[in-house]
Amino acid sequence: MKLIYNVKDKPSFGQIIVFAIQQLLAIMAATIAVPAIVGNGMTASAALFGAGAGTIIYQLFTKFRSPVFLGSSFAFIGSMVTAFAGAMSAALGFLGIIVGAILAGLVYVVIAIIIKLVGVKWINKLMPPVVIGPTVALIGLSLAGAAIKDVFSYGPQDGNGSFIMTSNIWVSFVCALVTFAVVTLCSVYGKKMARLIPFIIGILAGYAVALVFTLIGNATGNASLCIIDFAPFKALVEGGVTLSTFLAVPEFTFIEALKGIKEIDGSYFATVAVAYVPVAFVVFAEHIADHKNLSSIIESDLLEDPGLDRTLLGDGVGSMVGAFFGGCPNTTYGESVGCVAITKNASVVTITATAIMSMLIAFISPFVAFLDSIPGCVMGGVCITLYGFIAVSGLKMIQKVDLENNANLFTVAAILIPGIGGMAMAIGKVTITSIACSLILGILTNVMLSKKKADTEE
């Protein structure tokens, strides 16, 4: 893949701003979904600030060589819910999710130190392309259901972090189809900037169509045409126009958590540790898969330079910082990787600008309201392309694998079928995701059949 902007390239200032907005739109829906799902007073604006701060930390640790944004991690949702459920007060719950994120981050720090001492060659042997390829493909395929669900929905998100299903699926489908068509046409036929910002153009086109339907629906009293919910904007002017209508300080997690210090309880924090620490090991496997995928896109092995130890430290410490401000542990985002792949813009300056922008807009009430109002069907049209590119990136890794060799064939099958089938497992309060289960099974299968593969290659 020939990149238009490589990792170290610096677009013009105006381009950087536009590219950063595009990255922000790509990661926005998932980032603000986590606090919506967990509830308990967590806010989208604080999560956006935490994601931006965590990404800056990640970039510092990786020497600004890894072009990926860190957003709210879905893997820790169960852990966060457990932290709030076991707390005697909301303040203690907020303290619990910060402590939990710190413990999970420390797992990454310890693994990073071990890797620094022993190197990464063992990882490349344990997870060759025949293992990593289908795992990356699975990450994209596992998100397919979420994308299609969004196609037939509108916004904003409900209390469970999902977009609300519309009563007129054809209206939402048209909005999604327009978004998808504009994104793909701009990516393939676009000239200059149009090819670099297909998501911005696509989202604006889908939003415009949704707005037309909504205005017609309001004028005719037909609720099934009202795709856009203007509630986020109405909330800004409730009680009159004030300074908070335009600027508002996010409800940072650490502020509420400080009130819970006096309620510290040993047994409660033991519960938090059990809920968070095992999940960190599961996410570690996905961390490697994401960075292998990104490495194939930028044609530079990130596990070697800047090194897996640095990416882990950046992810771990960035996750701690993200939770300190927004409550949500962070993780590298497939949506961000997909955006890099489609736009062929791997400039790390763009990612850094996105992080800064994410932190700034957390204070700008109208912009947060606009992001909240983007219909689910519009984001669904975008996600079809984003998740599809992740899946295809994984399949491209398998191209050079000899699938005539049954040892390789069974390894790929051991990953794809359990993963697509949703083979997740719960051990106590810890859920091992289908991706993690599939990766573990693939590694074991590959190791078990490695001797046969070696004999065949000889």
Protein backbone atom coordinates (compact mmCIF):
# COMPACT_ATOMS: atom_id res chain seq x y z
CA MET A 1 0.00 0.00 0.00
CA LYS A 2 1.49 3.32 -1.09
CA LEU A 3 0.80 5.96 1.53
CA ILE A 4 0.04 9.56 0.57
CA TYR A 5 1.41 10.75 3.89
CA ASN A 6 3.90 8.52 5.72
CA VAL A 7 4.41 8.39 9.48
CA LYS A 8 6.93 11.24 9.62
CA ASP A 9 5.29 13.42 6.95
CA LYS A 10 3.78 16.76 7.98
CA PRO A 11 0.76 18.00 6.00
CA SER A 12 0.01 21.71 5.94
CA PHE A 13 -1.64 23.24 9.02
CA GLY A 14 -5.04 23.50 7.34
CA GLN A 15 -4.88 19.89 6.17
CA ILE A 16 -3.90 18.70 9.65
CA ILE A 17 -7.01 20.31 11.15
CA VAL A 18 -9.29 18.70 8.56
CA PHE A 19 -7.57 15.29 8.85
CA ALA A 20 -7.83 15.46 12.65
CA ILE A 21 -11.57 16.13 12.45
CA GLN A 22 -11.90 13.07 10.22
CA GLN A 23 -10.00 10.83 12.67
CA LEU A 24 -12.15 12.21 15.47
CA LEU A 25 -15.35 11.36 13.62
CA ALA A 26 -14.04 7.85 12.95
CA ILE A 27 -13.34 7.08 16.63
CA MET A 28 -16.04 9.21 18.22
CA ALA A 29 -19.01 6.81 18.29
CA ALA A 30 -17.16 4.00 20.03
CA THR A 31 -15.31 6.30 22.43
CA ILE A 32 -18.47 7.89 23.83
CA ALA A 33 -20.42 4.60 23.76
CA VAL A 34 -18.50 3.12 26.72
CA PRO A 35 -19.49 5.79 29.28
CA ALA A 36 -23.07 5.60 27.94
CA ILE A 37 -23.17 1.85 28.52
CA VAL A 38 -21.61 1.98 32.01
CA GLY A 39 -23.69 4.98 33.13
CA ASN A 40 -23.37 5.93 36.81
CA GLY A 41 -22.66 9.57 35.97
CA MET A 42 -19.90 8.97 33.42
CA THR A 43 -19.92 11.48 30.57
CA ALA A 44 -18.98 11.55 26.88
CA SER A 45 -17.02 14.80 27.17
CA ALA A 46 -14.80 13.43 29.96
CA ALA A 47 -14.22 10.23 27.96
CA LEU A 48 -13.17 12.28 24.91
CA PHE A 49 -10.72 14.28 27.02
CA GLY A 50 -9.33 11.10 28.58
CA ALA A 51 -8.92 9.46 25.16
CA GLY A 52 -7.03 12.48 23.86
CA ALA A 53 -4.78 12.64 26.92
CA GLY A 54 -4.11 8.89 26.75
CA THR A 55 -3.19 9.15 23.06
CA ILE A 56 -0.68 11.92 23.78
CA ILE A 57 0.96 9.71 26.43
CA TYR A 58 1.04 6.80 23.97
CA GLN A 59 2.69 8.98 21.32
CA LEU A 60 5.34 10.14 23.79
CA PHE A 61 6.24 6.57 24.73
CA THR A 62 6.32 5.41 21.10
CA LYS A 63 8.46 8.40 20.01
CA PHE A 64 5.66 9.58 17.69
CA ARG A 65 6.18 6.59 15.37
CA SER A 66 2.87 4.77 15.73
CA PRO A 67 -0.08 6.49 13.99
CA VAL A 68 -3.04 5.23 15.99
CA PHE A 69 -5.57 6.83 18.35
CA LEU A 70 -6.43 5.37 21.75
CA GLY A 71 -10.13 5.35 22.68
CA SER A 72 -12.38 3.91 25.38
CA SER A 73 -11.89 0.15 25.70
CA PHE A 74 -14.99 -2.06 25.43
CA ALA A 75 -13.09 -4.96 27.02
CA PHE A 76 -13.25 -3.30 30.45
CA ILE A 77 -16.98 -2.51 30.45
CA GLY A 78 -17.76 -5.52 32.66
CA SER A 79 -14.92 -4.52 35.01
CA MET A 80 -16.26 -0.97 35.29
CA VAL A 81 -19.80 -2.17 35.96
CA THR A 82 -18.44 -4.45 38.71
CA ALA A 83 -16.54 -1.52 40.27
CA PHE A 84 -19.70 0.56 40.50
CA ALA A 85 -21.89 -2.35 41.62
CA GLY A 86 -19.63 -3.20 44.54
CA ALA A 87 -19.16 0.38 45.74
CA MET A 88 -21.03 1.83 48.70
CA SER A 89 -21.28 5.19 46.91
CA ALA A 90 -20.82 6.68 43.45
CA ALA A 91 -17.64 8.43 44.66
CA LEU A 92 -16.09 5.12 45.72
CA GLY A 93 -17.15 3.64 42.37
CA PHE A 94 -15.27 6.40 40.53
CA LEU A 95 -12.23 5.77 42.71
CA GLY A 96 -12.55 2.06 41.99
CA ILE A 97 -12.49 2.46 38.21
CA ILE A 98 -9.38 4.64 38.46
CA VAL A 99 -7.62 2.13 40.73
CA GLY A 100 -8.69 -0.71 38.44
CA ALA A 101 -7.29 1.05 35.39
CA ILE A 102 -4.00 1.64 37.21
CA LEU A 103 -3.75 -2.06 38.10
CA ALA A 104 -4.53 -3.09 34.51
CA GLY A 105 -1.98 -0.59 33.22
CA LEU A 106 0.64 -2.01 35.56
CA VAL A 107 0.14 -5.41 33.93
CA TYR A 108 1.21 -3.83 30.64
CA VAL A 109 4.18 -2.19 32.35
CA VAL A 110 5.38 -5.52 33.79
CA ILE A 111 4.97 -7.29 30.42
CA ALA A 112 6.83 -4.42 28.73
CA ILE A 113 9.76 -4.81 31.12
CA ILE A 114 9.90 -8.56 30.44
CA ILE A 115 9.84 -7.96 26.67
CA LYS A 116 12.57 -5.33 27.02
CA LEU A 117 14.75 -7.98 28.68
CA VAL A 118 14.03 -10.96 26.41
CA GLY A 119 13.10 -9.28 23.09
CA VAL A 120 10.15 -9.89 20.71
CA LYS A 121 11.41 -12.69 18.48
CA TRP A 122 9.52 -15.24 20.54
CA ILE A 123 6.29 -13.36 19.82
CA ASN A 124 6.92 -13.46 16.07
CA LYS A 125 7.49 -17.22 16.35
CA LEU A 126 4.43 -17.71 18.53
CA MET A 127 2.22 -15.54 16.32
CA PRO A 128 3.35 -15.76 12.67
CA PRO A 129 1.15 -14.46 9.79
CA VAL A 130 -0.89 -17.67 9.79
CA VAL A 131 -2.06 -16.74 13.32
CA ILE A 132 -2.08 -12.94 13.23
CA GLY A 133 -3.71 -12.66 9.78
CA PRO A 134 -6.99 -14.42 10.58
CA THR A 135 -7.04 -12.78 14.03
CA VAL A 136 -6.90 -9.30 12.49
CA ALA A 137 -9.56 -10.34 9.97
CA LEU A 138 -11.66 -11.57 12.86
CA ILE A 139 -11.46 -8.20 14.62
CA GLY A 140 -13.14 -6.60 11.60
CA LEU A 141 -15.63 -9.44 11.08
CA SER A 142 -16.64 -9.46 14.74
CA LEU A 143 -17.73 -5.82 14.39
CA ALA A 144 -19.86 -6.49 11.32
CA GLY A 145 -23.03 -7.06 13.37
CA ALA A 146 -22.57 -3.76 15.21
CA ALA A 147 -22.16 -1.87 11.92
CA ILE A 148 -25.32 -3.36 10.39
CA LYS A 149 -27.29 -2.72 13.58
CA ASP A 150 -26.30 0.94 13.32
CA VAL A 151 -27.41 1.03 9.68
CA PHE A 152 -31.01 0.52 10.81
CA SER A 153 -30.95 2.98 13.69
CA TYR A 154 -30.78 6.67 14.51
CA GLY A 155 -29.27 8.83 17.28
CA PRO A 156 -28.50 9.70 19.99
CA GLN A 157 -27.55 6.59 21.95
CA ASP A 158 -29.88 5.13 24.54
CA GLY A 159 -28.99 4.29 28.14
CA ASN A 160 -27.29 1.06 27.05
CA GLY A 161 -24.91 2.80 24.65
CA SER A 162 -26.75 1.60 21.55
CA PHE A 163 -28.38 3.70 18.88
CA ILE A 164 -32.18 3.51 19.01
CA MET A 165 -33.82 1.36 16.31
CA THR A 166 -35.93 3.38 13.88
CA SER A 167 -39.49 2.38 13.00
CA ASN A 168 -38.80 3.05 9.31
CA ILE A 169 -35.81 0.94 8.30
CA TRP A 170 -35.88 2.21 4.72
CA VAL A 171 -35.27 5.80 5.78
CA SER A 172 -32.27 4.87 7.93
CA PHE A 173 -31.03 2.50 5.21
CA VAL A 174 -31.07 5.32 2.64
CA CYS A 175 -29.03 7.56 4.98
CA ALA A 176 -26.51 4.75 5.56
CA LEU A 177 -26.34 3.95 1.84
CA VAL A 178 -25.68 7.58 0.91
CA THR A 179 -22.93 7.80 3.54
CA PHE A 180 -21.33 4.55 2.37
CA ALA A 181 -21.55 5.54 -1.31
CA VAL A 182 -20.01 8.98 -0.77
CA VAL A 183 -17.16 7.56 1.35
CA THR A 184 -16.28 4.90 -1.21
CA LEU A 185 -16.64 7.20 -4.23
CA CYS A 186 -14.43 9.85 -2.63
CA SER A 187 -11.83 7.23 -1.69
CA VAL A 188 -11.70 5.70 -5.17
CA TYR A 189 -12.42 8.61 -7.53
CA GLY A 190 -11.71 11.62 -5.36
CA LYS A 191 -8.98 14.09 -6.26
CA LYS A 192 -6.56 15.66 -3.81
CA MET A 193 -8.37 16.54 -0.54
CA ALA A 194 -11.56 14.64 -1.40
CA ARG A 195 -9.57 11.41 -1.39
CA LEU A 196 -7.96 12.27 1.94
CA ILE A 197 -11.16 13.20 3.80
CA PRO A 198 -13.81 10.73 2.54
CA PHE A 199 -15.27 10.22 6.02
CA ILE A 200 -15.94 13.89 6.62
CA ILE A 201 -17.63 14.26 3.24
CA GLY A 202 -19.56 11.00 3.72
CA ILE A 203 -20.79 11.85 7.22
CA LEU A 204 -21.84 15.35 6.16
CA ALA A 205 -23.68 13.91 3.14
CA GLY A 206 -25.46 11.30 5.28
CA TYR A 207 -26.28 13.91 7.94
CA ALA A 208 -27.73 16.23 5.25
CA VAL A 209 -30.03 13.48 3.94
CA ALA A 210 -31.06 12.60 7.50
CA LEU A 211 -31.77 16.29 8.16
CA VAL A 212 -34.05 16.50 5.10
CA PHE A 213 -35.98 13.44 6.28
CA THR A 214 -36.22 14.87 9.79
CA LEU A 215 -37.49 18.27 8.63
CA ILE A 216 -40.13 16.57 6.46
CA GLY A 217 -41.09 14.36 9.40
CA ASN A 218 -41.46 17.33 11.75
CA ALA A 219 -43.50 19.27 9.17
CA THR A 220 -45.87 16.37 8.44
CA GLY A 221 -46.02 14.92 11.96
CA ASN A 222 -44.50 11.63 10.73
CA ALA A 223 -42.24 10.46 13.57
CA SER A 224 -40.79 7.60 11.49
CA LEU A 225 -38.97 10.16 9.32
CA CYS A 226 -37.34 11.96 12.25
CA ILE A 227 -33.89 10.40 12.05
CA ILE A 228 -32.01 13.18 13.85
CA ASP A 229 -32.78 13.78 17.52
CA PHE A 230 -32.15 17.42 18.43
CA ALA A 231 -32.26 16.70 22.17
CA PRO A 232 -28.49 17.31 22.64
CA PHE A 233 -28.92 20.82 21.20
CA LYS A 234 -32.09 21.53 23.20
CA ALA A 235 -30.27 20.58 26.40
CA LEU A 236 -27.79 23.39 25.79
CA VAL A 237 -30.44 26.11 26.00
CA GLU A 238 -32.59 24.73 28.80
CA GLY A 239 -32.88 27.50 31.35
CA GLY A 240 -31.69 30.12 28.86
CA VAL A 241 -28.49 30.87 26.96
CA THR A 242 -25.52 31.07 29.33
CA LEU A 243 -21.76 30.58 29.15
CA SER A 244 -22.26 26.82 29.65
CA THR A 245 -24.25 26.80 26.39
CA PHE A 246 -20.94 27.29 24.61
CA LEU A 247 -18.26 26.19 27.08
CA ALA A 248 -18.42 23.66 29.90
CA VAL A 249 -15.80 21.86 31.98
CA PRO A 250 -16.19 18.07 31.63
CA GLU A 251 -17.10 16.12 34.74
CA PHE A 252 -13.66 14.59 35.24
CA THR A 253 -13.57 11.23 37.03
CA PHE A 254 -10.79 12.11 39.48
CA ILE A 255 -12.80 15.01 40.95
CA GLU A 256 -15.61 12.71 42.08
CA ALA A 257 -13.13 9.94 42.97
CA LEU A 258 -11.37 12.16 45.53
CA LYS A 259 -14.59 12.17 47.58
CA GLY A 260 -14.40 8.37 47.86
CA ILE A 261 -10.97 8.21 49.51
CA LYS A 262 -12.47 8.27 52.99
CA GLU A 263 -14.51 5.16 52.10
CA ILE A 264 -11.53 3.01 51.10
CA ASP A 265 -12.20 -0.66 51.82
CA GLY A 266 -9.69 -3.48 51.30
CA SER A 267 -12.18 -6.11 50.23
CA TYR A 268 -13.74 -3.76 47.70
CA PHE A 269 -10.42 -3.04 46.02
CA ALA A 270 -9.62 -6.75 45.96
CA THR A 271 -12.84 -7.21 43.99
CA VAL A 272 -11.80 -4.42 41.64
CA ALA A 273 -8.38 -6.02 41.11
CA VAL A 274 -9.95 -9.37 40.22
CA ALA A 275 -12.27 -7.59 37.77
CA TYR A 276 -9.54 -5.63 36.00
CA VAL A 277 -6.20 -7.47 36.05
CA PRO A 278 -7.18 -10.64 34.11
CA VAL A 279 -8.82 -8.51 31.39
CA ALA A 280 -5.48 -6.75 30.84
CA PHE A 281 -3.92 -10.06 29.76
CA VAL A 282 -6.78 -10.60 27.30
CA VAL A 283 -6.40 -7.11 25.82
CA PHE A 284 -2.63 -7.72 25.50
CA ALA A 285 -3.33 -10.26 22.77
CA GLU A 286 -5.51 -7.76 20.91
CA HIS A 287 -2.79 -5.11 21.35
CA ILE A 288 -0.36 -7.29 19.41
CA ALA A 289 -2.91 -8.00 16.66
CA ASP A 290 -3.71 -4.29 16.24
CA HIS A 291 -0.04 -3.33 15.99
CA LYS A 292 0.70 -6.16 13.56
CA ASN A 293 -2.15 -4.89 11.39
CA LEU A 294 -0.94 -1.29 11.58
CA SER A 295 2.60 -2.46 10.80
CA SER A 296 1.40 -4.08 7.56
CA ILE A 297 -0.31 -0.82 6.56
CA ILE A 298 2.66 1.48 7.17
CA GLU A 299 5.14 -1.23 6.06
CA SER A 300 7.23 -0.90 9.21
CA ASP A 301 7.27 -3.41 12.07
CA LEU A 302 6.13 -1.49 15.14
CA LEU A 303 7.04 -4.44 17.36
CA GLU A 304 10.66 -3.77 16.40
CA ASP A 305 10.61 0.03 16.05
CA PRO A 306 9.71 1.71 18.36
CA GLY A 307 9.34 -1.73 19.95
CA LEU A 308 6.59 -3.72 21.62
CA ASP A 309 7.87 -2.67 25.03
CA ARG A 310 7.24 0.98 24.13
CA THR A 311 3.82 0.40 22.58
CA LEU A 312 2.78 -1.55 25.68
CA LEU A 313 4.08 1.15 28.02
CA GLY A 314 2.29 3.79 25.97
CA ASP A 315 -0.93 1.79 25.95
CA GLY A 316 -0.72 0.95 29.66
CA VAL A 317 0.19 4.39 30.98
CA GLY A 318 -2.14 6.04 28.45
CA SER A 319 -4.93 3.83 29.73
CA MET A 320 -4.25 4.96 33.30
CA VAL A 321 -4.33 8.62 32.28
CA GLY A 322 -7.49 8.12 30.23
CA ALA A 323 -9.27 6.57 33.20
CA PHE A 324 -8.02 9.31 35.54
CA PHE A 325 -9.86 11.92 33.49
CA GLY A 326 -12.66 10.00 31.79
CA GLY A 327 -13.01 6.78 33.78
CA CYS A 328 -12.46 4.56 30.74
CA PRO A 329 -9.24 2.57 30.22
CA ASN A 330 -7.99 3.20 26.67
CA THR A 331 -6.91 0.89 23.89
CA THR A 332 -5.67 1.26 20.32
CA TYR A 333 -8.68 1.66 18.02
CA GLY A 334 -9.41 -0.44 14.95
CA GLU A 335 -11.49 2.47 13.60
CA SER A 336 -8.38 4.63 13.69
CA VAL A 337 -6.31 1.95 11.93
CA GLY A 338 -9.06 1.59 9.31
CA CYS A 339 -9.09 5.34 8.75
CA VAL A 340 -5.32 5.29 8.16
CA ALA A 341 -5.67 2.40 5.70
CA ILE A 342 -8.50 3.92 3.67
CA THR A 343 -7.19 7.49 3.48
CA LYS A 344 -3.54 6.39 3.12
CA ASN A 345 -2.65 9.08 5.62
CA ALA A 346 -0.35 7.65 8.31
CA SER A 347 1.02 11.00 9.47
CA VAL A 348 1.51 10.79 13.22
CA VAL A 349 1.08 14.58 13.31
CA THR A 350 -2.56 13.97 12.34
CA ILE A 351 -3.03 11.56 15.25
CA THR A 352 -1.43 13.99 17.69
CA ALA A 353 -3.64 16.81 16.40
CA THR A 354 -6.67 14.55 16.81
CA ALA A 355 -5.72 13.92 20.43
CA ILE A 356 -5.36 17.64 21.14
CA MET A 357 -8.64 18.35 19.35
CA SER A 358 -10.40 15.62 21.33
CA MET A 359 -9.27 17.29 24.56
CA LEU A 360 -10.32 20.76 23.40
CA ILE A 361 -13.77 19.90 22.08
CA ALA A 362 -14.58 18.24 25.40
CA PHE A 363 -15.02 21.83 26.62
CA ILE A 364 -17.04 23.04 23.59
CA SER A 365 -20.68 22.21 24.28
CA PRO A 366 -22.15 22.75 20.76
CA PHE A 367 -19.56 20.49 19.11
CA VAL A 368 -20.16 17.72 21.65
CA ALA A 369 -23.90 18.12 21.01
CA PHE A 370 -23.33 17.82 17.26
CA LEU A 371 -21.32 14.62 17.72
CA ASP A 372 -24.09 13.24 19.94
CA SER A 373 -26.70 14.05 17.29
CA ILE A 374 -25.07 12.17 14.39
CA PRO A 375 -27.57 9.38 13.59
CA GLY A 376 -26.55 5.79 14.08
CA CYS A 377 -27.40 4.97 10.47
CA VAL A 378 -24.86 7.54 9.24
CA MET A 379 -22.14 6.04 11.45
CA GLY A 380 -23.23 2.59 10.28
CA GLY A 381 -22.50 3.57 6.67
CA VAL A 382 -19.01 4.69 7.74
CA CYS A 383 -18.34 1.62 9.87
CA ILE A 384 -19.05 -0.77 6.98
CA THR A 385 -15.95 0.63 5.30
CA LEU A 386 -13.83 0.92 8.45
CA TYR A 387 -14.51 -2.57 9.76
CA GLY A 388 -14.32 -4.02 6.24
CA PHE A 389 -10.81 -2.64 5.77
CA ILE A 390 -9.71 -4.19 9.07
CA ALA A 391 -11.01 -7.59 7.93
CA VAL A 392 -9.38 -7.25 4.50
CA SER A 393 -6.06 -6.20 6.09
CA GLY A 394 -6.03 -9.49 7.97
CA LEU A 395 -6.88 -11.48 4.85
CA LYS A 396 -4.00 -9.79 3.01
CA MET A 397 -1.62 -11.12 5.68
CA ILE A 398 -2.74 -14.67 4.82
CA GLN A 399 -2.01 -14.24 1.10
CA LYS A 400 1.56 -15.49 1.42
CA VAL A 401 0.57 -18.38 3.70
CA ASP A 402 0.53 -21.80 2.02
CA LEU A 403 -3.05 -22.93 2.62
CA GLU A 404 -2.38 -26.12 0.63
CA ASN A 405 -0.56 -27.19 3.78
CA ASN A 406 -3.18 -28.68 6.11
CA ALA A 407 -1.25 -27.51 9.16
CA ASN A 408 -1.78 -23.90 8.08
CA LEU A 409 -5.35 -24.58 7.02
CA PHE A 410 -6.32 -25.98 10.42
CA THR A 411 -4.62 -23.08 12.21
CA VAL A 412 -6.65 -20.51 10.25
CA ALA A 413 -9.84 -22.54 10.76
CA ALA A 414 -9.19 -22.75 14.51
CA ILE A 415 -9.24 -18.96 14.63
CA LEU A 416 -11.98 -17.97 12.20
CA ILE A 417 -14.75 -20.41 13.07
CA PRO A 418 -14.72 -20.00 16.90
CA GLY A 419 -14.31 -16.26 16.48
CA ILE A 420 -17.16 -15.79 14.02
CA GLY A 421 -19.25 -18.21 16.08
CA GLY A 422 -18.74 -16.02 19.16
CA MET A 423 -16.87 -18.48 21.38
CA ALA A 424 -16.47 -16.22 24.43
CA MET A 425 -15.90 -17.77 27.87
CA ALA A 426 -16.56 -16.48 31.37
CA ILE A 427 -14.25 -17.41 34.23
CA GLY A 428 -15.80 -15.98 37.35
CA LYS A 429 -16.31 -12.27 36.72
CA VAL A 430 -13.82 -12.22 33.86
CA THR A 431 -15.00 -12.70 30.27
CA ILE A 432 -12.47 -13.87 27.71
CA THR A 433 -13.65 -12.34 24.44
CA SER A 434 -14.22 -14.42 21.32
CA ILE A 435 -11.19 -12.77 19.69
CA ALA A 436 -8.94 -13.65 22.62
CA CYS A 437 -10.30 -17.22 22.74
CA SER A 438 -9.73 -17.65 19.02
CA LEU A 439 -6.20 -16.25 19.19
CA ILE A 440 -5.28 -18.58 22.06
CA LEU A 441 -6.75 -21.57 20.21
CA GLY A 442 -4.90 -20.54 17.04
CA ILE A 443 -1.59 -20.25 18.87
CA LEU A 444 -2.03 -23.68 20.48
CA THR A 445 -2.99 -25.25 17.13
CA ASN A 446 -0.02 -23.66 15.39
CA VAL A 447 2.38 -24.87 18.07
CA MET A 448 0.86 -28.36 18.01
CA LEU A 449 1.27 -28.61 14.22
CA SER A 450 4.56 -26.70 13.90
CA LYS A 451 6.67 -29.86 13.54
CA LYS A 452 4.52 -31.09 10.66
CA LYS A 453 4.80 -27.68 8.96
CA ALA A 454 8.57 -27.75 9.34
CA ASP A 455 8.79 -31.25 7.86
CA THR A 456 6.60 -30.20 4.91
CA GLU A 457 8.68 -27.08 4.22
CA GLU A 458 11.85 -29.19 4.19
